[in-house]
Amino acid sequence: MNEKIKISADGGGTAKILRAFQGEHNARTYQIEIDAPDGQQIDLSGTTAMFYISEKDKVLQLPMTISENLASVTLTNEACRYPGDLKCWIQIVKPQAYDLRVDNLILRVFPCKIDEAIPDDGEVPILYQLISETKKATQSANQAAEGANAAAKDLQLAVTSATAAAQSEQNAKSSEIVAEASADKAMEYTAVFKNSGYHNSVYRGKDISPNEADGSMYTNIANGTFDDIFVGDYFTKMINGTSYVLRVAGCDSYLNRGNIALTTHHIVVVPDAACGTYPISDTGTIDGGYVGSKMYTDTLPLWAGYLSTAFGTHLLTLRELFVNSISSNIPSDWSWYDSKVGLMASEEVAGCGAFGLNTSGYPFNIGIAYGQLPLFRLSPDKICIRHMYWLRNIVNIATFVVVNDSGELGRNNVANYQWLRPRFLLG
């Protein structure tokens, strides 16, 4: 059974009711048109969509298909397990364009008992109809056979046998349909969800240390599917004698960037905790910009060595634009440099600029480090770690931007010792 409905993306108005019967499987498909607040239909081309159902013990997700600008979902047996009203929503992702959630949907599942079921416009599933008709036939046979018990028993036996045969045939057909549908859904998942765009749109937070240890994580990075890797997943690694929790901050976030394009599939990794305290500069100033600081010339190369020992050839090199000159107290030039590990820019962490934004030299701070990393977009609680740590943005010749221990964007003198929380790429 197919039914077409229309909903508004802003979730306003009366909740839209989707109806089903308890125990149904692949019996109903809803084709959903989604309109913008101005009433115009949203263009769904190039998007992926998931249908979420909040059940009493978990949140169930069903893949949706996009066709003729409609998002379609087929209700499975698992979706129709419990009778009652279940809250639903739709998540629509268009890579590098938008991540839209559509609420105000209710799945109303009617009980499966024949005596309690509410008809669905006359279309009762075939199996339930067959059982109901058999029940009526049996009752009529019993009433007619009050004076002939032997004949009634024979009739009842015949009816029961016919019912069992019909039900067996129906079950066989249903199993075949389920098998075909499952195969179709598996193929659909393979084609639609095995890419960086989808994996950047879901925060999971699973421990994938075994996958890193056995190498399967790197295999699934290299082939670009990112199977079993989502934003927020983490693994533990011994680095220079200390065990660190390292978290996936994004998938292919820097693909094709750099004056020499980065073409290797990768994940961006950020430690949960900081890696010790260091100054930006011992002298209190940075005449040579970021690349003239002690942080760049001494501290980061030291950590690049630690990470190379821990990860070998999986540690990637990224070509980045760094500030290499200060004039009139502000950044005045940049150039391309190799980078294996580096400080994050304010734009990557907070998604916005920081101190010094109104100066003419501020754009030199950013280079290719634009766009908030998916980890901090999907889980902002990972920004503040209750320790002040350095960011890459230069406020002036003596001051760099920091994330304070209380969570706000601040600034600090370059001679002070603050925490190091770098980012690096694995592939």
Protein backbone atom coordinates (compact mmCIF):
# COMPACT_ATOMS: atom_id res chain seq x y z
CA MET A 1 0.00 0.00 0.00
CA ASN A 2 1.43 3.40 -1.02
CA GLU A 3 0.28 6.72 0.41
CA LYS A 4 1.53 10.20 -0.48
CA ILE A 5 1.64 12.92 2.20
CA LYS A 6 2.89 16.50 2.39
CA ILE A 7 4.67 18.05 5.41
CA SER A 8 6.34 21.37 6.21
CA ALA A 9 10.07 21.51 6.94
CA ASP A 10 9.54 23.91 9.84
CA GLY A 11 7.51 21.27 11.74
CA GLY A 12 4.63 23.69 12.37
CA GLY A 13 0.91 23.02 12.52
CA THR A 14 -0.84 19.80 13.48
CA ALA A 15 1.32 16.68 13.65
CA LYS A 16 1.07 14.48 10.55
CA ILE A 17 -0.23 10.97 11.38
CA LEU A 18 1.20 7.89 9.60
CA ARG A 19 -0.93 4.78 10.23
CA ALA A 20 0.08 1.11 10.41
CA PHE A 21 -0.96 -2.18 12.05
CA GLN A 22 1.11 -4.01 14.64
CA GLY A 23 3.15 -6.82 13.06
CA GLU A 24 3.02 -5.52 9.48
CA HIS A 25 6.17 -5.91 7.42
CA ASN A 26 6.86 -3.96 4.20
CA ALA A 27 3.09 -3.54 3.76
CA ARG A 28 3.06 0.28 3.66
CA THR A 29 5.19 2.83 1.89
CA TYR A 30 4.80 6.53 2.58
CA GLN A 31 5.89 8.96 -0.16
CA ILE A 32 6.62 12.27 1.55
CA GLU A 33 6.75 15.71 -0.07
CA ILE A 34 8.62 18.26 2.06
CA ASP A 35 7.78 21.94 1.67
CA ALA A 36 9.81 24.96 2.77
CA PRO A 37 8.24 27.55 5.14
CA ASP A 38 7.26 29.62 2.08
CA GLY A 39 5.16 26.72 0.75
CA GLN A 40 7.51 25.82 -2.10
CA GLN A 41 8.54 22.16 -2.43
CA ILE A 42 12.15 21.52 -1.35
CA ASP A 43 14.44 20.15 -4.08
CA LEU A 44 15.65 16.77 -2.77
CA SER A 45 17.99 15.98 -5.67
CA GLY A 46 21.45 14.94 -4.51
CA THR A 47 20.33 14.32 -0.92
CA THR A 48 20.28 11.28 1.37
CA ALA A 49 17.52 10.80 3.95
CA MET A 50 16.82 8.65 7.01
CA PHE A 51 13.49 8.08 8.82
CA TYR A 52 13.80 7.84 12.64
CA ILE A 53 11.23 6.27 15.00
CA SER A 54 11.54 6.77 18.77
CA GLU A 55 10.45 3.45 20.32
CA LYS A 56 10.25 2.74 24.04
CA ASP A 57 13.66 0.97 24.14
CA LYS A 58 15.61 2.56 21.29
CA VAL A 59 15.59 4.85 18.27
CA LEU A 60 15.01 2.90 15.03
CA GLN A 61 16.32 4.28 11.74
CA LEU A 62 14.96 3.32 8.32
CA PRO A 63 16.63 4.32 5.03
CA MET A 64 14.58 6.48 2.66
CA THR A 65 14.70 6.55 -1.12
CA ILE A 66 14.64 9.79 -3.12
CA SER A 67 12.66 9.69 -6.37
CA GLU A 68 10.77 12.37 -8.33
CA ASN A 69 11.51 14.82 -5.47
CA LEU A 70 9.75 12.58 -2.93
CA ALA A 71 11.34 10.88 0.10
CA SER A 72 9.85 7.37 0.52
CA VAL A 73 10.01 5.03 3.53
CA THR A 74 8.69 1.46 3.83
CA LEU A 75 7.61 0.40 7.34
CA THR A 76 9.25 -2.84 8.49
CA ASN A 77 8.08 -5.34 11.11
CA GLU A 78 10.50 -3.78 13.61
CA ALA A 79 8.89 -0.37 13.05
CA CYS A 80 5.45 -1.85 13.82
CA ARG A 81 6.35 -3.85 16.92
CA TYR A 82 4.53 -1.72 19.49
CA PRO A 83 0.95 -0.33 19.31
CA GLY A 84 0.43 3.33 20.13
CA ASP A 85 1.70 6.72 18.95
CA LEU A 86 5.46 6.86 18.24
CA LYS A 87 7.37 10.11 17.67
CA CYS A 88 9.17 10.27 14.28
CA TRP A 89 11.43 12.61 12.39
CA ILE A 90 13.31 12.81 9.09
CA GLN A 91 17.00 13.75 8.65
CA ILE A 92 17.95 15.01 5.17
CA VAL A 93 21.60 15.63 4.26
CA LYS A 94 22.90 17.36 1.16
CA PRO A 95 26.74 17.27 1.34
CA GLN A 96 28.30 20.72 1.71
CA ALA A 97 24.82 22.33 1.45
CA TYR A 98 22.57 21.56 4.42
CA ASP A 99 21.64 19.07 7.18
CA LEU A 100 17.84 19.32 7.69
CA ARG A 101 15.71 17.71 10.40
CA VAL A 102 11.93 17.56 9.87
CA ASP A 103 9.82 16.91 13.00
CA ASN A 104 6.09 16.85 13.92
CA LEU A 105 5.46 13.30 12.64
CA ILE A 106 3.57 10.55 14.51
CA LEU A 107 3.49 6.83 13.60
CA ARG A 108 0.18 5.46 14.94
CA VAL A 109 0.37 1.64 15.21
CA PHE A 110 -3.00 -0.06 15.78
CA PRO A 111 -3.16 -3.33 17.84
CA CYS A 112 -2.97 -6.56 15.85
CA LYS A 113 -5.83 -8.42 17.66
CA ILE A 114 -8.72 -8.95 15.25
CA ASP A 115 -11.40 -7.98 17.81
CA GLU A 116 -9.56 -4.77 18.74
CA ALA A 117 -8.14 -3.69 15.38
CA ILE A 118 -9.31 -0.45 13.75
CA PRO A 119 -9.95 -0.90 10.02
CA ASP A 120 -7.55 0.96 7.72
CA ASP A 121 -10.02 2.19 5.06
CA GLY A 122 -11.05 -1.43 4.31
CA GLU A 123 -7.55 -2.64 3.45
CA VAL A 124 -6.89 -5.27 6.14
CA PRO A 125 -3.79 -7.38 5.44
CA ILE A 126 -4.59 -10.63 3.58
CA LEU A 127 -3.39 -12.86 6.40
CA TYR A 128 -5.67 -11.25 8.99
CA GLN A 129 -8.65 -11.39 6.58
CA LEU A 130 -8.10 -15.11 5.93
CA ILE A 131 -8.03 -15.89 9.67
CA SER A 132 -11.21 -13.87 10.24
CA GLU A 133 -13.11 -15.62 7.44
CA THR A 134 -11.98 -19.04 8.68
CA LYS A 135 -13.21 -18.18 12.17
CA LYS A 136 -16.68 -17.29 10.81
CA ALA A 137 -16.84 -20.47 8.71
CA THR A 138 -15.93 -22.61 11.72
CA GLN A 139 -18.62 -20.99 13.89
CA SER A 140 -21.28 -21.55 11.18
CA ALA A 141 -20.26 -25.20 10.80
CA ASN A 142 -20.51 -25.81 14.55
CA GLN A 143 -24.04 -24.34 14.69
CA ALA A 144 -25.22 -26.49 11.77
CA ALA A 145 -23.74 -29.68 13.22
CA GLU A 146 -25.40 -29.70 16.65
CA GLY A 147 -27.36 -32.85 15.72
CA ALA A 148 -24.53 -34.55 13.89
CA ASN A 149 -21.33 -34.36 15.95
CA ALA A 150 -19.37 -36.67 13.72
CA ALA A 151 -20.10 -34.61 10.58
CA ALA A 152 -19.26 -31.39 12.43
CA LYS A 153 -15.88 -32.76 13.51
CA ASP A 154 -15.09 -33.77 9.94
CA LEU A 155 -16.09 -30.32 8.69
CA GLN A 156 -14.03 -28.55 11.34
CA LEU A 157 -11.02 -30.72 10.51
CA ALA A 158 -11.40 -29.86 6.80
CA VAL A 159 -11.68 -26.16 7.52
CA THR A 160 -8.64 -26.25 9.86
CA SER A 161 -6.58 -28.10 7.23
CA ALA A 162 -7.58 -25.62 4.52
CA THR A 163 -6.68 -22.72 6.80
CA ALA A 164 -3.28 -24.20 7.60
CA ALA A 165 -2.56 -24.79 3.92
CA ALA A 166 -3.60 -21.27 2.96
CA GLN A 167 -1.58 -19.76 5.80
CA SER A 168 1.50 -21.79 4.83
CA GLU A 169 1.20 -20.55 1.24
CA GLN A 170 0.79 -16.95 2.41
CA ASN A 171 3.79 -17.26 4.77
CA ALA A 172 5.92 -18.60 1.94
CA LYS A 173 4.98 -15.63 -0.27
CA SER A 174 5.64 -13.19 2.57
CA SER A 175 9.08 -14.71 3.22
CA GLU A 176 9.97 -14.35 -0.44
CA ILE A 177 8.89 -10.70 -0.44
CA VAL A 178 10.89 -10.02 2.74
CA ALA A 179 14.01 -11.63 1.25
CA GLU A 180 13.74 -9.55 -1.93
CA ALA A 181 13.14 -6.35 0.05
CA SER A 182 16.12 -7.05 2.33
CA ALA A 183 18.39 -7.55 -0.67
CA ASP A 184 17.14 -4.31 -2.22
CA LYS A 185 17.77 -2.38 1.00
CA ALA A 186 21.29 -3.84 1.30
CA MET A 187 22.10 -2.72 -2.24
CA GLU A 188 20.59 0.70 -1.51
CA TYR A 189 22.77 1.13 1.60
CA THR A 190 25.87 0.19 -0.33
CA ALA A 191 25.17 2.81 -2.98
CA VAL A 192 23.96 5.67 -0.80
CA PHE A 193 25.57 5.60 2.63
CA LYS A 194 29.18 4.49 2.07
CA ASN A 195 30.79 7.92 1.69
CA SER A 196 32.32 10.70 3.75
CA GLY A 197 29.26 12.97 3.48
CA TYR A 198 26.98 10.52 5.27
CA HIS A 199 29.57 9.54 7.89
CA ASN A 200 30.25 13.23 8.62
CA SER A 201 26.54 13.76 9.40
CA VAL A 202 26.19 11.16 12.18
CA TYR A 203 27.73 11.38 15.67
CA ARG A 204 28.15 7.88 17.14
CA GLY A 205 30.88 7.88 19.84
CA LYS A 206 31.84 4.19 19.58
CA ASP A 207 35.17 2.72 20.73
CA ILE A 208 36.87 1.50 17.53
CA SER A 209 40.22 0.63 19.12
CA PRO A 210 40.04 -3.00 17.85
CA ASN A 211 39.55 -1.73 14.28
CA GLU A 212 42.58 0.53 14.55
CA ALA A 213 44.67 -2.27 16.03
CA ASP A 214 43.79 -4.89 13.36
CA GLY A 215 44.12 -2.40 10.48
CA SER A 216 40.51 -2.61 9.26
CA MET A 217 39.99 1.06 10.15
CA TYR A 218 42.72 2.08 7.73
CA THR A 219 41.34 -0.21 5.00
CA ASN A 220 37.91 1.43 5.28
CA ILE A 221 39.49 4.89 5.20
CA ALA A 222 41.62 4.09 2.15
CA ASN A 223 38.70 2.79 0.05
CA GLY A 224 36.61 5.88 0.87
CA THR A 225 33.63 3.96 2.33
CA PHE A 226 34.45 4.78 5.98
CA ASP A 227 32.63 1.60 7.03
CA ASP A 228 32.22 1.44 10.83
CA ILE A 229 33.78 4.92 11.22
CA PHE A 230 31.62 7.85 12.29
CA VAL A 231 32.23 11.29 13.78
CA GLY A 232 32.84 11.00 17.53
CA ASP A 233 34.20 7.44 17.36
CA TYR A 234 37.44 7.07 19.30
CA PHE A 235 40.41 4.77 19.86
CA THR A 236 43.22 4.63 22.42
CA LYS A 237 46.88 4.79 21.37
CA MET A 238 50.18 4.77 23.24
CA ILE A 239 52.18 7.86 22.17
CA ASN A 240 55.60 8.56 23.69
CA GLY A 241 54.76 6.35 26.67
CA THR A 242 51.33 7.85 27.40
CA SER A 243 47.93 6.41 26.43
CA TYR A 244 45.73 8.98 24.66
CA VAL A 245 42.05 8.87 23.68
CA LEU A 246 41.97 10.04 20.05
CA ARG A 247 38.62 11.02 18.50
CA VAL A 248 37.43 11.17 14.87
CA ALA A 249 36.72 14.84 14.10
CA GLY A 250 35.85 14.44 10.41
CA CYS A 251 36.15 12.27 7.29
CA ASP A 252 37.91 13.63 4.17
CA SER A 253 37.65 17.16 5.60
CA TYR A 254 40.72 18.36 3.67
CA LEU A 255 40.34 16.30 0.50
CA ASN A 256 41.58 18.18 -2.60
CA ARG A 257 42.91 21.13 -0.53
CA GLY A 258 46.46 22.48 -0.72
CA ASN A 259 48.64 23.85 -3.51
CA ILE A 260 49.49 20.17 -4.01
CA ALA A 261 46.06 18.59 -3.71
CA LEU A 262 45.56 16.05 -0.92
CA THR A 263 43.96 13.12 -2.77
CA THR A 264 44.31 10.48 -0.04
CA HIS A 265 41.16 9.53 1.87
CA HIS A 266 41.65 10.37 5.55
CA ILE A 267 40.16 11.03 8.96
CA VAL A 268 40.89 14.10 11.07
CA VAL A 269 41.97 13.14 14.60
CA VAL A 270 41.86 15.33 17.73
CA PRO A 271 42.83 14.15 21.25
CA ASP A 272 40.20 14.34 23.98
CA ALA A 273 42.77 15.65 26.44
CA ALA A 274 45.67 18.02 25.85
CA CYS A 275 49.24 16.86 25.25
CA GLY A 276 51.17 18.92 27.81
CA THR A 277 51.81 22.67 28.19
CA TYR A 278 54.03 24.73 25.89
CA PRO A 279 54.59 28.40 25.02
CA ILE A 280 54.13 29.80 21.52
CA SER A 281 57.39 31.76 21.87
CA ASP A 282 60.04 32.13 24.60
CA THR A 283 60.75 35.70 23.56
CA GLY A 284 57.25 37.08 24.03
CA THR A 285 56.90 38.04 20.34
CA ILE A 286 56.61 36.26 16.97
CA ASP A 287 58.43 38.38 14.41
CA GLY A 288 58.34 35.56 11.85
CA GLY A 289 54.64 34.82 12.30
CA TYR A 290 53.34 31.33 13.08
CA VAL A 291 56.24 29.61 11.28
CA GLY A 292 58.75 31.74 13.25
CA SER A 293 57.39 30.63 16.63
CA LYS A 294 58.97 28.06 18.95
CA MET A 295 55.68 26.16 18.80
CA TYR A 296 56.17 25.66 15.03
CA THR A 297 59.96 25.14 14.95
CA ASP A 298 60.43 22.98 18.08
CA THR A 299 57.24 21.67 19.70
CA LEU A 300 55.18 20.53 16.69
CA PRO A 301 58.15 18.75 14.99
CA LEU A 302 58.72 16.91 18.30
CA TRP A 303 55.10 15.70 18.27
CA ALA A 304 55.30 14.87 14.57
CA GLY A 305 58.07 12.45 15.50
CA TYR A 306 56.02 10.90 18.31
CA LEU A 307 53.04 10.43 15.97
CA SER A 308 55.21 8.98 13.18
CA THR A 309 56.50 6.38 15.62
CA ALA A 310 52.95 5.51 16.70
CA PHE A 311 51.25 5.48 13.28
CA GLY A 312 54.01 5.03 10.70
CA THR A 313 52.99 5.76 7.12
CA HIS A 314 49.34 6.23 8.17
CA LEU A 315 50.28 9.74 9.39
CA LEU A 316 49.66 12.02 6.39
CA THR A 317 51.24 15.28 5.26
CA LEU A 318 48.96 18.21 4.43
CA ARG A 319 50.04 21.30 2.50
CA GLU A 320 48.89 24.36 4.46
CA LEU A 321 49.10 28.16 4.25
CA PHE A 322 50.81 29.61 7.36
CA VAL A 323 51.60 33.18 8.43
CA ASN A 324 55.31 33.92 7.90
CA SER A 325 55.46 37.69 8.38
CA ILE A 326 54.25 40.33 10.86
CA SER A 327 53.97 44.00 9.91
CA SER A 328 52.52 46.85 11.97
CA ASN A 329 51.87 44.32 14.73
CA ILE A 330 49.53 42.08 12.61
CA PRO A 331 49.92 39.19 10.09
CA SER A 332 51.01 40.46 6.68
CA ASP A 333 51.95 37.44 4.53
CA TRP A 334 51.79 33.67 4.22
CA SER A 335 53.23 30.75 2.26
CA TRP A 336 52.73 27.00 1.68
CA TYR A 337 54.33 24.51 4.12
CA ASP A 338 54.21 20.76 4.83
CA SER A 339 52.25 19.93 7.98
CA LYS A 340 51.96 16.58 9.78
CA VAL A 341 50.48 18.00 12.97
CA GLY A 342 49.31 21.50 13.80
CA LEU A 343 47.25 23.83 15.94
CA MET A 344 43.59 24.19 14.97
CA ALA A 345 42.22 27.51 13.73
CA SER A 346 39.33 29.20 15.54
CA GLU A 347 37.17 28.57 12.45
CA GLU A 348 37.75 24.79 12.73
CA VAL A 349 36.81 24.64 16.42
CA ALA A 350 34.20 27.33 17.04
CA GLY A 351 33.07 27.77 13.44
CA CYS A 352 33.78 31.51 13.55
CA GLY A 353 36.58 34.06 13.79
CA ALA A 354 38.05 35.39 17.02
CA PHE A 355 40.10 38.34 18.30
CA GLY A 356 41.70 40.38 15.54
CA LEU A 357 38.89 39.66 13.09
CA ASN A 358 38.54 43.36 12.23
CA THR A 359 42.20 43.79 11.19
CA SER A 360 43.36 43.70 7.58
CA GLY A 361 45.81 40.90 8.32
CA TYR A 362 43.31 38.48 9.87
CA PRO A 363 42.62 36.41 6.69
CA PHE A 364 46.26 35.25 6.71
CA ASN A 365 45.40 33.21 9.84
CA ILE A 366 42.93 30.94 8.05
CA GLY A 367 44.45 29.59 4.82
CA ILE A 368 42.74 26.25 4.12
CA ALA A 369 41.63 25.78 7.76
CA TYR A 370 38.09 27.05 7.17
CA GLY A 371 34.83 25.35 8.13
CA GLN A 372 33.95 23.94 11.56
CA LEU A 373 35.05 20.32 11.93
CA PRO A 374 32.05 17.89 12.11
CA LEU A 375 33.02 16.76 15.65
CA PHE A 376 32.52 20.24 17.08
CA ARG A 377 29.44 20.91 14.93
CA LEU A 378 27.62 17.71 15.99
CA SER A 379 28.92 17.60 19.57
CA PRO A 380 29.81 21.12 20.81
CA ASP A 381 30.57 19.73 24.27
CA LYS A 382 33.89 18.48 22.84
CA ILE A 383 35.13 22.08 22.37
CA CYS A 384 35.77 22.90 26.04
CA ILE A 385 38.07 20.46 27.89
CA ARG A 386 38.37 22.58 31.12
CA HIS A 387 41.97 23.49 30.20
CA MET A 388 43.08 26.54 28.22
CA TYR A 389 44.56 25.40 24.89
CA TRP A 390 46.21 27.22 21.99
CA LEU A 391 44.59 27.95 18.64
CA ARG A 392 46.50 29.10 15.54
CA ASN A 393 44.97 32.55 15.06
CA ILE A 394 47.35 35.49 15.64
CA VAL A 395 45.78 38.50 17.39
CA ASN A 396 48.99 40.57 17.29
CA ILE A 397 52.75 40.12 17.54
CA ALA A 398 52.53 39.05 21.19
CA THR A 399 49.11 37.35 21.45
CA PHE A 400 47.44 34.16 20.13
CA VAL A 401 43.81 33.03 20.39
CA VAL A 402 42.92 30.32 22.95
CA VAL A 403 39.90 28.32 24.09
CA ASN A 404 39.72 29.17 27.79
CA ASP A 405 39.13 26.60 30.52
CA SER A 406 35.61 27.99 30.92
CA GLY A 407 34.87 27.55 27.21
CA GLU A 408 35.01 31.07 25.76
CA LEU A 409 37.28 32.20 22.93
CA GLY A 410 40.03 34.30 24.47
CA ARG A 411 43.59 35.46 23.88
CA ASN A 412 46.85 34.88 25.72
CA ASN A 413 50.44 36.10 25.67
CA VAL A 414 52.67 33.88 23.53
CA ALA A 415 55.24 33.50 26.33
CA ASN A 416 52.76 31.75 28.62
CA TYR A 417 52.59 27.96 28.91
CA GLN A 418 49.16 26.71 27.81
CA TRP A 419 47.89 23.29 26.74
CA LEU A 420 48.60 21.77 23.32
CA ARG A 421 45.57 20.16 21.58
CA PRO A 422 46.62 19.58 17.95
CA ARG A 423 44.90 17.93 15.02
CA PHE A 424 46.43 15.51 12.51
CA LEU A 425 45.33 13.27 9.63
CA LEU A 426 45.40 9.46 9.33
CA GLY A 427 44.86 7.49 6.13
